[in-house]
Amino acid sequence: MPKWFAKLVEFLPADKKFLTGDSVSIYDFAVAGVFTNLICNPKSKNPAVWAATWEKAPERVKKYVADFNEDMKGYLDARPKDYSM
């Protein structure tokens, strides 16, 4: 994961919220979705392992995921509460 985090930071523009600008794109669904649905999901398999991994993520990656979750809040709040991956 550390290598993936480092590579992701290279692709995230410092002056934009998402991979291709300030609007969520299909690329963000693919990338940020992994974080939202697996790594940051307390109902995923092995949540303690993922939580430890997430703690090591660079701040730019954490901001990216937070921005994604903020933009997708309506959808994320409406999905089933027992959603796990």
Protein backbone atom coordinates (compact mmCIF):
# COMPACT_ATOMS: atom_id res chain seq x y z
CA MET A 1 0.00 0.00 0.00
CA PRO A 2 2.74 2.58 0.69
CA LYS A 3 3.83 2.40 -2.96
CA TRP A 4 0.25 2.81 -4.12
CA PHE A 5 -0.23 5.80 -1.80
CA ALA A 6 2.94 7.42 -3.18
CA LYS A 7 1.86 6.84 -6.78
CA LEU A 8 -1.61 8.22 -6.08
CA VAL A 9 -0.13 11.40 -4.60
CA GLU A 10 1.76 11.90 -7.88
CA PHE A 11 -1.54 11.88 -9.78
CA LEU A 12 -3.50 14.12 -7.40
CA PRO A 13 -3.22 17.78 -8.40
CA ALA A 14 -2.37 20.01 -5.44
CA ASP A 15 -4.84 22.68 -6.55
CA LYS A 16 -7.81 20.39 -7.38
CA LYS A 17 -10.03 18.15 -5.29
CA PHE A 18 -10.02 15.10 -7.53
CA LEU A 19 -7.92 13.28 -10.09
CA THR A 20 -9.18 15.27 -13.07
CA GLY A 21 -10.41 18.50 -11.50
CA ASP A 22 -12.92 19.70 -8.94
CA SER A 23 -15.76 17.38 -9.97
CA VAL A 24 -15.97 13.67 -9.26
CA SER A 25 -15.13 11.59 -12.33
CA ILE A 26 -15.38 7.91 -13.16
CA TYR A 27 -11.72 7.63 -12.17
CA ASP A 28 -12.52 8.89 -8.69
CA PHE A 29 -15.29 6.32 -8.31
CA ALA A 30 -12.75 3.61 -9.08
CA VAL A 31 -9.92 4.93 -6.89
CA ALA A 32 -11.69 6.65 -4.00
CA GLY A 33 -14.26 3.88 -3.99
CA VAL A 34 -11.57 1.42 -2.87
CA PHE A 35 -10.85 3.61 0.14
CA THR A 36 -14.50 4.28 0.96
CA ASN A 37 -15.75 0.73 0.50
CA LEU A 38 -12.80 -1.26 1.77
CA ILE A 39 -10.01 0.55 3.57
CA CYS A 40 -12.12 3.05 5.54
CA ASN A 41 -15.16 0.81 5.95
CA PRO A 42 -15.38 -0.47 9.54
CA LYS A 43 -17.54 -3.35 8.27
CA SER A 44 -14.95 -4.63 5.82
CA LYS A 45 -13.02 -7.80 6.45
CA ASN A 46 -10.10 -7.19 8.84
CA PRO A 47 -11.01 -3.59 9.75
CA ALA A 48 -8.10 -3.32 12.21
CA VAL A 49 -5.61 -4.11 9.45
CA TRP A 50 -7.18 -1.53 7.15
CA ALA A 51 -7.30 1.08 9.93
CA ALA A 52 -3.57 0.65 10.51
CA THR A 53 -2.97 0.98 6.77
CA TRP A 54 -5.09 4.13 6.61
CA GLU A 55 -3.12 5.76 9.43
CA LYS A 56 -0.02 5.57 7.22
CA ALA A 57 -1.70 7.26 4.25
CA PRO A 58 -0.31 10.65 3.22
CA GLU A 59 -2.42 13.67 4.16
CA ARG A 60 -3.10 14.42 0.48
CA VAL A 61 -4.68 10.99 0.05
CA LYS A 62 -6.76 11.44 3.20
CA LYS A 63 -7.99 14.82 1.94
CA TYR A 64 -8.84 13.31 -1.44
CA VAL A 65 -10.95 10.59 0.17
CA ALA A 66 -12.59 13.10 2.54
CA ASP A 67 -13.49 15.33 -0.43
CA PHE A 68 -14.90 12.32 -2.30
CA ASN A 69 -16.97 11.26 0.70
CA GLU A 70 -18.26 14.81 1.12
CA ASP A 71 -19.34 15.02 -2.52
CA MET A 72 -20.93 11.55 -2.34
CA LYS A 73 -22.51 12.08 1.10
CA GLY A 74 -26.11 11.77 -0.12
CA TYR A 75 -25.45 8.44 -1.77
CA LEU A 76 -23.27 7.09 1.03
CA ASP A 77 -25.85 8.02 3.67
CA ALA A 78 -28.65 6.35 1.69
CA ARG A 79 -26.97 3.02 1.03
CA PRO A 80 -27.72 0.08 3.32
CA LYS A 81 -26.06 0.50 6.74
CA ASP A 82 -24.77 -3.07 6.71
CA TYR A 83 -22.82 -2.49 3.51
CA SER A 84 -19.53 -4.34 3.60
CA MET A 85 -16.96 -5.50 1.13
